[in-house]
Amino acid sequence: MFHSKQGFKPKPNPSRMRHFPRSDDLVILEALDMRYTQKLGSTEIGRRLGLTKNAVIGKISRINNEDSSCSCQRPENKDGGMPVAWWRDKAD
């Protein structure tokens, strides 16, 4: 456990962490695309994906709060290295 600027924050407990199916990953990728590429608000994203506004906010904030320090060696694996909506071709 550690202190952050926001206050006391517990470390994640691996035994309580859920494993999400690939379909959930695709929903999160679509939500992130709508938010940062299309500049849509949480309410509109939720309407398009069949989620509540708060579910969208939760999904996006969990992704944004993850430790994203990249130790990638290949430039295409670093942030901004993939083309926009790269997952859509891979989803089939």
PDB file of N, CA and C in Angstrom:
ATOM      1  N   MET A   1       0.837  -1.175   0.000  1.00  0.00           N
ATOM      2  CA  MET A   1       0.000   0.000   0.000  1.00  0.00           C
ATOM      3  C   MET A   1       0.884   1.242   0.000  1.00  0.00           C
ATOM      4  N   PHE A   2       0.387   2.285  -0.610  1.00  0.00           N
ATOM      5  CA  PHE A   2       1.184   3.479  -0.748  1.00  0.00           C
ATOM      6  C   PHE A   2       0.310   4.714  -0.676  1.00  0.00           C
ATOM      7  N   HIS A   3       0.953   5.822  -0.488  1.00  0.00           N
ATOM      8  CA  HIS A   3       0.272   7.106  -0.490  1.00  0.00           C
ATOM      9  C   HIS A   3       0.458   7.760  -1.848  1.00  0.00           C
ATOM     10  N   SER A   4      -0.563   8.353  -2.358  1.00  0.00           N
ATOM     11  CA  SER A   4      -0.452   9.133  -3.582  1.00  0.00           C
ATOM     12  C   SER A   4      -0.910  10.550  -3.257  1.00  0.00           C
ATOM     13  N   LYS A   5      -0.837  11.429  -4.222  1.00  0.00           N
ATOM     14  CA  LYS A   5      -1.291  12.798  -3.996  1.00  0.00           C
ATOM     15  C   LYS A   5      -2.772  12.846  -3.652  1.00  0.00           C
ATOM     16  N   GLN A   6      -3.533  11.841  -4.151  1.00  0.00           N
ATOM     17  CA  GLN A   6      -4.957  11.804  -3.883  1.00  0.00           C
ATOM     18  C   GLN A   6      -5.262  11.181  -2.517  1.00  0.00           C
ATOM     19  N   GLY A   7      -4.284  10.577  -1.889  1.00  0.00           N
ATOM     20  CA  GLY A   7      -4.496   9.949  -0.597  1.00  0.00           C
ATOM     21  C   GLY A   7      -4.075   8.490  -0.597  1.00  0.00           C
ATOM     22  N   PHE A   8      -4.521   7.751   0.386  1.00  0.00           N
ATOM     23  CA  PHE A   8      -4.157   6.357   0.561  1.00  0.00           C
ATOM     24  C   PHE A   8      -4.803   5.503  -0.517  1.00  0.00           C
ATOM     25  N   LYS A   9      -3.995   4.676  -1.193  1.00  0.00           N
ATOM     26  CA  LYS A   9      -4.516   3.853  -2.282  1.00  0.00           C
ATOM     27  C   LYS A   9      -3.994   2.422  -2.120  1.00  0.00           C
ATOM     28  N   PRO A  10      -4.889   1.452  -1.957  1.00  0.00           N
ATOM     29  CA  PRO A  10      -4.422   0.073  -1.778  1.00  0.00           C
ATOM     30  C   PRO A  10      -3.905  -0.516  -3.085  1.00  0.00           C
ATOM     31  N   LYS A  11      -2.972  -1.466  -2.968  1.00  0.00           N
ATOM     32  CA  LYS A  11      -2.496  -2.198  -4.135  1.00  0.00           C
ATOM     33  C   LYS A  11      -3.587  -3.169  -4.578  1.00  0.00           C
ATOM     34  N   PRO A  12      -3.648  -3.465  -5.868  1.00  0.00           N
ATOM     35  CA  PRO A  12      -4.643  -4.438  -6.333  1.00  0.00           C
ATOM     36  C   PRO A  12      -4.384  -5.817  -5.742  1.00  0.00           C
ATOM     37  N   ASN A  13      -5.452  -6.520  -5.412  1.00  0.00           N
ATOM     38  CA  ASN A  13      -5.356  -7.880  -4.884  1.00  0.00           C
ATOM     39  C   ASN A  13      -5.565  -8.850  -6.039  1.00  0.00           C
ATOM     40  N   PRO A  14      -4.510  -9.568  -6.496  1.00  0.00           N
ATOM     41  CA  PRO A  14      -4.640 -10.449  -7.658  1.00  0.00           C
ATOM     42  C   PRO A  14      -5.733 -11.505  -7.507  1.00  0.00           C
ATOM     43  N   SER A  15      -6.008 -11.949  -6.297  1.00  0.00           N
ATOM     44  CA  SER A  15      -7.035 -12.974  -6.118  1.00  0.00           C
ATOM     45  C   SER A  15      -8.438 -12.419  -6.352  1.00  0.00           C
ATOM     46  N   ARG A  16      -8.603 -11.089  -6.297  1.00  0.00           N
ATOM     47  CA  ARG A  16      -9.915 -10.469  -6.509  1.00  0.00           C
ATOM     48  C   ARG A  16     -10.061  -9.877  -7.903  1.00  0.00           C
ATOM     49  N   MET A  17      -8.992  -9.929  -8.693  1.00  0.00           N
ATOM     50  CA  MET A  17      -9.051  -9.333 -10.023  1.00  0.00           C
ATOM     51  C   MET A  17      -9.799 -10.255 -10.975  1.00  0.00           C
ATOM     52  N   ARG A  18     -10.666  -9.667 -11.785  1.00  0.00           N
ATOM     53  CA  ARG A  18     -11.432 -10.433 -12.762  1.00  0.00           C
ATOM     54  C   ARG A  18     -10.675 -10.522 -14.076  1.00  0.00           C
ATOM     55  N   HIS A  19     -10.898 -11.602 -14.764  1.00  0.00           N
ATOM     56  CA  HIS A  19     -10.344 -11.752 -16.107  1.00  0.00           C
ATOM     57  C   HIS A  19     -11.478 -11.522 -17.085  1.00  0.00           C
ATOM     58  N   PHE A  20     -11.322 -10.557 -17.947  1.00  0.00           N
ATOM     59  CA  PHE A  20     -12.387 -10.152 -18.848  1.00  0.00           C
ATOM     60  C   PHE A  20     -12.193 -10.810 -20.203  1.00  0.00           C
ATOM     61  N   PRO A  21     -13.294 -11.169 -20.853  1.00  0.00           N
ATOM     62  CA  PRO A  21     -13.185 -11.758 -22.187  1.00  0.00           C
ATOM     63  C   PRO A  21     -12.763 -10.717 -23.216  1.00  0.00           C
ATOM     64  N   ARG A  22     -12.326 -11.178 -24.369  1.00  0.00           N
ATOM     65  CA  ARG A  22     -11.872 -10.291 -25.438  1.00  0.00           C
ATOM     66  C   ARG A  22     -12.969  -9.309 -25.857  1.00  0.00           C
ATOM     67  N   SER A  23     -14.211  -9.727 -25.793  1.00  0.00           N
ATOM     68  CA  SER A  23     -15.298  -8.828 -26.184  1.00  0.00           C
ATOM     69  C   SER A  23     -15.333  -7.588 -25.294  1.00  0.00           C
ATOM     70  N   ASP A  24     -14.992  -7.744 -24.013  1.00  0.00           N
ATOM     71  CA  ASP A  24     -14.917  -6.578 -23.123  1.00  0.00           C
ATOM     72  C   ASP A  24     -13.767  -5.660 -23.531  1.00  0.00           C
ATOM     73  N   ASP A  25     -12.656  -6.260 -23.962  1.00  0.00           N
ATOM     74  CA  ASP A  25     -11.532  -5.447 -24.435  1.00  0.00           C
ATOM     75  C   ASP A  25     -11.949  -4.602 -25.629  1.00  0.00           C
ATOM     76  N   LEU A  26     -12.712  -5.204 -26.530  1.00  0.00           N
ATOM     77  CA  LEU A  26     -13.144  -4.474 -27.725  1.00  0.00           C
ATOM     78  C   LEU A  26     -14.084  -3.331 -27.372  1.00  0.00           C
ATOM     79  N   VAL A  27     -14.936  -3.534 -26.366  1.00  0.00           N
ATOM     80  CA  VAL A  27     -15.832  -2.458 -25.916  1.00  0.00           C
ATOM     81  C   VAL A  27     -15.009  -1.308 -25.346  1.00  0.00           C
ATOM     82  N   ILE A  28     -14.001  -1.633 -24.559  1.00  0.00           N
ATOM     83  CA  ILE A  28     -13.150  -0.597 -23.970  1.00  0.00           C
ATOM     84  C   ILE A  28     -12.386   0.149 -25.065  1.00  0.00           C
ATOM     85  N   LEU A  29     -11.865  -0.583 -26.049  1.00  0.00           N
ATOM     86  CA  LEU A  29     -11.150   0.069 -27.148  1.00  0.00           C
ATOM     87  C   LEU A  29     -12.075   1.002 -27.931  1.00  0.00           C
ATOM     88  N   GLU A  30     -13.301   0.557 -28.175  1.00  0.00           N
ATOM     89  CA  GLU A  30     -14.259   1.411 -28.878  1.00  0.00           C
ATOM     90  C   GLU A  30     -14.584   2.654 -28.044  1.00  0.00           C
ATOM     91  N   ALA A  31     -14.765   2.475 -26.737  1.00  0.00           N
ATOM     92  CA  ALA A  31     -15.061   3.616 -25.858  1.00  0.00           C
ATOM     93  C   ALA A  31     -13.910   4.616 -25.861  1.00  0.00           C
ATOM     94  N   LEU A  32     -12.678   4.119 -25.790  1.00  0.00           N
ATOM     95  CA  LEU A  32     -11.520   5.006 -25.816  1.00  0.00           C
ATOM     96  C   LEU A  32     -11.422   5.735 -27.154  1.00  0.00           C
ATOM     97  N   ASP A  33     -11.697   5.018 -28.238  1.00  0.00           N
ATOM     98  CA  ASP A  33     -11.668   5.642 -29.561  1.00  0.00           C
ATOM     99  C   ASP A  33     -12.710   6.747 -29.657  1.00  0.00           C
ATOM    100  N   MET A  34     -13.914   6.460 -29.182  1.00  0.00           N
ATOM    101  CA  MET A  34     -14.980   7.466 -29.239  1.00  0.00           C
ATOM    102  C   MET A  34     -14.632   8.685 -28.389  1.00  0.00           C
ATOM    103  N   ARG A  35     -14.010   8.443 -27.261  1.00  0.00           N
ATOM    104  CA  ARG A  35     -13.678   9.530 -26.333  1.00  0.00           C
ATOM    105  C   ARG A  35     -12.563  10.416 -26.870  1.00  0.00           C
ATOM    106  N   TYR A  36     -11.463   9.794 -27.310  1.00  0.00           N
ATOM    107  CA  TYR A  36     -10.270  10.571 -27.631  1.00  0.00           C
ATOM    108  C   TYR A  36     -10.113  10.879 -29.116  1.00  0.00           C
ATOM    109  N   THR A  37     -10.700  10.089 -29.995  1.00  0.00           N
ATOM    110  CA  THR A  37     -10.600  10.365 -31.421  1.00  0.00           C
ATOM    111  C   THR A  37     -11.812  11.139 -31.915  1.00  0.00           C
ATOM    112  N   GLN A  38     -13.000  10.664 -31.529  1.00  0.00           N
ATOM    113  CA  GLN A  38     -14.232  11.305 -31.984  1.00  0.00           C
ATOM    114  C   GLN A  38     -14.704  12.423 -31.045  1.00  0.00           C
ATOM    115  N   LYS A  39     -14.055  12.541 -29.887  1.00  0.00           N
ATOM    116  CA  LYS A  39     -14.351  13.598 -28.903  1.00  0.00           C
ATOM    117  C   LYS A  39     -15.794  13.553 -28.391  1.00  0.00           C
ATOM    118  N   LEU A  40     -16.334  12.337 -28.217  1.00  0.00           N
ATOM    119  CA  LEU A  40     -17.698  12.185 -27.706  1.00  0.00           C
ATOM    120  C   LEU A  40     -17.691  12.183 -26.183  1.00  0.00           C
ATOM    121  N   GLY A  41     -18.799  12.579 -25.598  1.00  0.00           N
ATOM    122  CA  GLY A  41     -18.955  12.555 -24.148  1.00  0.00           C
ATOM    123  C   GLY A  41     -19.369  11.174 -23.666  1.00  0.00           C
ATOM    124  N   SER A  42     -19.286  10.970 -22.372  1.00  0.00           N
ATOM    125  CA  SER A  42     -19.594   9.674 -21.767  1.00  0.00           C
ATOM    126  C   SER A  42     -21.037   9.246 -22.001  1.00  0.00           C
ATOM    127  N   THR A  43     -21.967  10.179 -21.979  1.00  0.00           N
ATOM    128  CA  THR A  43     -23.374   9.841 -22.205  1.00  0.00           C
ATOM    129  C   THR A  43     -23.588   9.299 -23.620  1.00  0.00           C
ATOM    130  N   GLU A  44     -23.005   9.951 -24.609  1.00  0.00           N
ATOM    131  CA  GLU A  44     -23.155   9.516 -25.997  1.00  0.00           C
ATOM    132  C   GLU A  44     -22.437   8.183 -26.239  1.00  0.00           C
ATOM    133  N   ILE A  45     -21.265   8.019 -25.661  1.00  0.00           N
ATOM    134  CA  ILE A  45     -20.548   6.747 -25.790  1.00  0.00           C
ATOM    135  C   ILE A  45     -21.390   5.628 -25.198  1.00  0.00           C
ATOM    136  N   GLY A  46     -21.944   5.866 -24.022  1.00  0.00           N
ATOM    137  CA  GLY A  46     -22.792   4.871 -23.375  1.00  0.00           C
ATOM    138  C   GLY A  46     -24.007   4.527 -24.210  1.00  0.00           C
ATOM    139  N   ARG A  47     -24.619   5.531 -24.799  1.00  0.00           N
ATOM    140  CA  ARG A  47     -25.783   5.283 -25.649  1.00  0.00           C
ATOM    141  C   ARG A  47     -25.414   4.393 -26.830  1.00  0.00           C
ATOM    142  N   ARG A  48     -24.278   4.660 -27.441  1.00  0.00           N
ATOM    143  CA  ARG A  48     -23.854   3.883 -28.609  1.00  0.00           C
ATOM    144  C   ARG A  48     -23.430   2.457 -28.248  1.00  0.00           C
ATOM    145  N   LEU A  49     -22.881   2.276 -27.059  1.00  0.00           N
ATOM    146  CA  LEU A  49     -22.394   0.959 -26.659  1.00  0.00           C
ATOM    147  C   LEU A  49     -23.374   0.192 -25.773  1.00  0.00           C
ATOM    148  N   GLY A  50     -24.494   0.826 -25.410  1.00  0.00           N
ATOM    149  CA  GLY A  50     -25.466   0.168 -24.535  1.00  0.00           C
ATOM    150  C   GLY A  50     -25.009   0.103 -23.090  1.00  0.00           C
ATOM    151  N   LEU A  51     -24.285   1.131 -22.653  1.00  0.00           N
ATOM    152  CA  LEU A  51     -23.777   1.217 -21.283  1.00  0.00           C
ATOM    153  C   LEU A  51     -24.307   2.491 -20.634  1.00  0.00           C
ATOM    154  N   THR A  52     -24.222   2.537 -19.314  1.00  0.00           N
ATOM    155  CA  THR A  52     -24.566   3.774 -18.628  1.00  0.00           C
ATOM    156  C   THR A  52     -23.386   4.737 -18.718  1.00  0.00           C
ATOM    157  N   LYS A  53     -23.679   6.003 -18.492  1.00  0.00           N
ATOM    158  CA  LYS A  53     -22.623   7.021 -18.481  1.00  0.00           C
ATOM    159  C   LYS A  53     -21.567   6.665 -17.439  1.00  0.00           C
ATOM    160  N   ASN A  54     -22.004   6.234 -16.261  1.00  0.00           N
ATOM    161  CA  ASN A  54     -21.058   5.899 -15.194  1.00  0.00           C
ATOM    162  C   ASN A  54     -20.216   4.673 -15.529  1.00  0.00           C
ATOM    163  N   ALA A  55     -20.780   3.710 -16.270  1.00  0.00           N
ATOM    164  CA  ALA A  55     -19.989   2.542 -16.688  1.00  0.00           C
ATOM    165  C   ALA A  55     -18.872   2.970 -17.634  1.00  0.00           C
ATOM    166  N   VAL A  56     -19.182   3.889 -18.528  1.00  0.00           N
ATOM    167  CA  VAL A  56     -18.177   4.401 -19.459  1.00  0.00           C
ATOM    168  C   VAL A  56     -17.087   5.144 -18.697  1.00  0.00           C
ATOM    169  N   ILE A  57     -17.488   6.000 -17.782  1.00  0.00           N
ATOM    170  CA  ILE A  57     -16.517   6.752 -16.977  1.00  0.00           C
ATOM    171  C   ILE A  57     -15.618   5.792 -16.208  1.00  0.00           C
ATOM    172  N   GLY A  58     -16.201   4.750 -15.620  1.00  0.00           N
ATOM    173  CA  GLY A  58     -15.421   3.767 -14.859  1.00  0.00           C
ATOM    174  C   GLY A  58     -14.424   3.035 -15.729  1.00  0.00           C
ATOM    175  N   LYS A  59     -14.846   2.572 -16.906  1.00  0.00           N
ATOM    176  CA  LYS A  59     -13.950   1.842 -17.803  1.00  0.00           C
ATOM    177  C   LYS A  59     -12.789   2.723 -18.250  1.00  0.00           C
ATOM    178  N   ILE A  60     -13.098   3.942 -18.664  1.00  0.00           N
ATOM    179  CA  ILE A  60     -12.043   4.839 -19.139  1.00  0.00           C
ATOM    180  C   ILE A  60     -11.100   5.232 -18.005  1.00  0.00           C
ATOM    181  N   SER A  61     -11.638   5.500 -16.828  1.00  0.00           N
ATOM    182  CA  SER A  61     -10.764   5.908 -15.721  1.00  0.00           C
ATOM    183  C   SER A  61      -9.872   4.758 -15.257  1.00  0.00           C
ATOM    184  N   ARG A  62     -10.368   3.515 -15.300  1.00  0.00           N
ATOM    185  CA  ARG A  62      -9.511   2.388 -14.928  1.00  0.00           C
ATOM    186  C   ARG A  62      -8.350   2.241 -15.898  1.00  0.00           C
ATOM    187  N   ILE A  63      -8.605   2.443 -17.170  1.00  0.00           N
ATOM    188  CA  ILE A  63      -7.528   2.377 -18.158  1.00  0.00           C
ATOM    189  C   ILE A  63      -6.545   3.527 -17.943  1.00  0.00           C
ATOM    190  N   ASN A  64      -7.050   4.726 -17.724  1.00  0.00           N
ATOM    191  CA  ASN A  64      -6.186   5.890 -17.536  1.00  0.00           C
ATOM    192  C   ASN A  64      -5.376   5.812 -16.250  1.00  0.00           C
ATOM    193  N   ASN A  65      -5.864   5.087 -15.238  1.00  0.00           N
ATOM    194  CA  ASN A  65      -5.173   5.004 -13.957  1.00  0.00           C
ATOM    195  C   ASN A  65      -4.164   3.866 -13.881  1.00  0.00           C
ATOM    196  N   GLU A  66      -4.129   2.989 -14.883  1.00  0.00           N
ATOM    197  CA  GLU A  66      -3.172   1.893 -14.874  1.00  0.00           C
ATOM    198  C   GLU A  66      -1.765   2.427 -15.036  1.00  0.00           C
ATOM    199  N   ASP A  67      -0.807   1.687 -14.470  1.00  0.00           N
ATOM    200  CA  ASP A  67       0.598   2.030 -14.662  1.00  0.00           C
ATOM    201  C   ASP A  67       0.935   1.703 -16.111  1.00  0.00           C
ATOM    202  N   SER A  68       1.179   2.715 -16.901  1.00  0.00           N
ATOM    203  CA  SER A  68       1.403   2.499 -18.323  1.00  0.00           C
ATOM    204  C   SER A  68       2.854   2.727 -18.725  1.00  0.00           C
ATOM    205  N   SER A  69       3.768   2.549 -17.774  1.00  0.00           N
ATOM    206  CA  SER A  69       5.162   2.716 -18.134  1.00  0.00           C
ATOM    207  C   SER A  69       5.537   1.605 -19.108  1.00  0.00           C
ATOM    208  N   CYS A  70       5.855   1.995 -20.296  1.00  0.00           N
ATOM    209  CA  CYS A  70       6.109   1.046 -21.373  1.00  0.00           C
ATOM    210  C   CYS A  70       7.586   0.703 -21.437  1.00  0.00           C
ATOM    211  N   SER A  71       7.880  -0.584 -21.397  1.00  0.00           N
ATOM    212  CA  SER A  71       9.263  -1.035 -21.562  1.00  0.00           C
ATOM    213  C   SER A  71       9.436  -1.651 -22.946  1.00  0.00           C
ATOM    214  N   CYS A  72       8.586  -1.227 -23.883  1.00  0.00           N
ATOM    215  CA  CYS A  72       8.606  -1.757 -25.251  1.00  0.00           C
ATOM    216  C   CYS A  72       9.893  -1.352 -25.954  1.00  0.00           C
ATOM    217  N   GLN A  73      10.426  -2.261 -26.739  1.00  0.00           N
ATOM    218  CA  GLN A  73      11.610  -1.966 -27.526  1.00  0.00           C
ATOM    219  C   GLN A  73      11.255  -1.536 -28.941  1.00  0.00           C
ATOM    220  N   ARG A  74      10.205  -2.137 -29.512  1.00  0.00           N
ATOM    221  CA  ARG A  74       9.801  -1.840 -30.884  1.00  0.00           C
ATOM    222  C   ARG A  74       8.944  -0.572 -30.923  1.00  0.00           C
ATOM    223  N   PRO A  75       9.260   0.382 -31.788  1.00  0.00           N
ATOM    224  CA  PRO A  75       8.494   1.635 -31.838  1.00  0.00           C
ATOM    225  C   PRO A  75       7.010   1.429 -32.104  1.00  0.00           C
ATOM    226  N   GLU A  76       6.643   0.411 -32.905  1.00  0.00           N
ATOM    227  CA  GLU A  76       5.231   0.195 -33.211  1.00  0.00           C
ATOM    228  C   GLU A  76       4.439  -0.285 -32.005  1.00  0.00           C
ATOM    229  N   ASN A  77       5.096  -0.719 -30.947  1.00  0.00           N
ATOM    230  CA  ASN A  77       4.409  -1.162 -29.737  1.00  0.00           C
ATOM    231  C   ASN A  77       4.267  -0.060 -28.700  1.00  0.00           C
ATOM    232  N   LYS A  78       4.854   1.075 -28.934  1.00  0.00           N
ATOM    233  CA  LYS A  78       4.771   2.188 -27.988  1.00  0.00           C
ATOM    234  C   LYS A  78       3.509   2.989 -28.237  1.00  0.00           C
ATOM    235  N   ASP A  79       3.141   3.815 -27.264  1.00  0.00           N
ATOM    236  CA  ASP A  79       1.950   4.657 -27.411  1.00  0.00           C
ATOM    237  C   ASP A  79       2.023   5.467 -28.695  1.00  0.00           C
ATOM    238  N   GLY A  80       0.936   5.447 -29.431  1.00  0.00           N
ATOM    239  CA  GLY A  80       0.872   6.180 -30.686  1.00  0.00           C
ATOM    240  C   GLY A  80       1.488   5.451 -31.859  1.00  0.00           C
ATOM    241  N   GLY A  81       1.983   4.238 -31.647  1.00  0.00           N
ATOM    242  CA  GLY A  81       2.629   3.493 -32.716  1.00  0.00           C
ATOM    243  C   GLY A  81       1.678   2.714 -33.595  1.00  0.00           C
ATOM    244  N   MET A  82       0.447   2.510 -33.149  1.00  0.00           N
ATOM    245  CA  MET A  82      -0.523   1.736 -33.921  1.00  0.00           C
ATOM    246  C   MET A  82      -1.443   2.691 -34.675  1.00  0.00           C
ATOM    247  N   PRO A  83      -1.941   2.256 -35.840  1.00  0.00           N
ATOM    248  CA  PRO A  83      -2.883   3.109 -36.565  1.00  0.00           C
ATOM    249  C   PRO A  83      -4.208   3.226 -35.811  1.00  0.00           C
ATOM    250  N   VAL A  84      -4.964   4.251 -36.122  1.00  0.00           N
ATOM    251  CA  VAL A  84      -6.272   4.457 -35.496  1.00  0.00           C
ATOM    252  C   VAL A  84      -7.164   3.249 -35.780  1.00  0.00           C
ATOM    253  N   ALA A  85      -7.873   2.793 -34.755  1.00  0.00           N
ATOM    254  CA  ALA A  85      -8.821   1.674 -34.851  1.00  0.00           C
ATOM    255  C   ALA A  85      -8.176   0.395 -35.362  1.00  0.00           C
ATOM    256  N   TRP A  86      -6.946   0.123 -34.966  1.00  0.00           N
ATOM    257  CA  TRP A  86      -6.210  -1.071 -35.404  1.00  0.00           C
ATOM    258  C   TRP A  86      -6.916  -2.373 -35.037  1.00  0.00           C
ATOM    259  N   TRP A  87      -7.684  -2.387 -33.948  1.00  0.00           N
ATOM    260  CA  TRP A  87      -8.317  -3.620 -33.466  1.00  0.00           C
ATOM    261  C   TRP A  87      -9.496  -4.060 -34.323  1.00  0.00           C
ATOM    262  N   ARG A  88     -10.064  -3.163 -35.082  1.00  0.00           N
ATOM    263  CA  ARG A  88     -11.239  -3.515 -35.878  1.00  0.00           C
ATOM    264  C   ARG A  88     -10.917  -4.570 -36.940  1.00  0.00           C
ATOM    265  N   ASP A  89      -9.739  -4.528 -37.516  1.00  0.00           N
ATOM    266  CA  ASP A  89      -9.340  -5.542 -38.497  1.00  0.00           C
ATOM    267  C   ASP A  89      -9.043  -6.876 -37.832  1.00  0.00           C
ATOM    268  N   LYS A  90      -8.673  -6.863 -36.569  1.00  0.00           N
ATOM    269  CA  LYS A  90      -8.280  -8.080 -35.850  1.00  0.00           C
ATOM    270  C   LYS A  90      -9.443  -8.767 -35.155  1.00  0.00           C
ATOM    271  N   ALA A  91     -10.593  -8.111 -35.063  1.00  0.00           N
ATOM    272  CA  ALA A  91     -11.715  -8.606 -34.261  1.00  0.00           C
ATOM    273  C   ALA A  91     -12.427  -9.804 -34.881  1.00  0.00           C
ATOM    274  N   ASP A  92     -12.309 -10.013 -36.148  1.00  0.00           N
ATOM    275  CA  ASP A  92     -13.055 -11.093 -36.805  1.00  0.00           C
ATOM    276  C   ASP A  92     -12.462 -12.447 -36.561  1.00  0.00           C
TER     277      ASP A  92
END
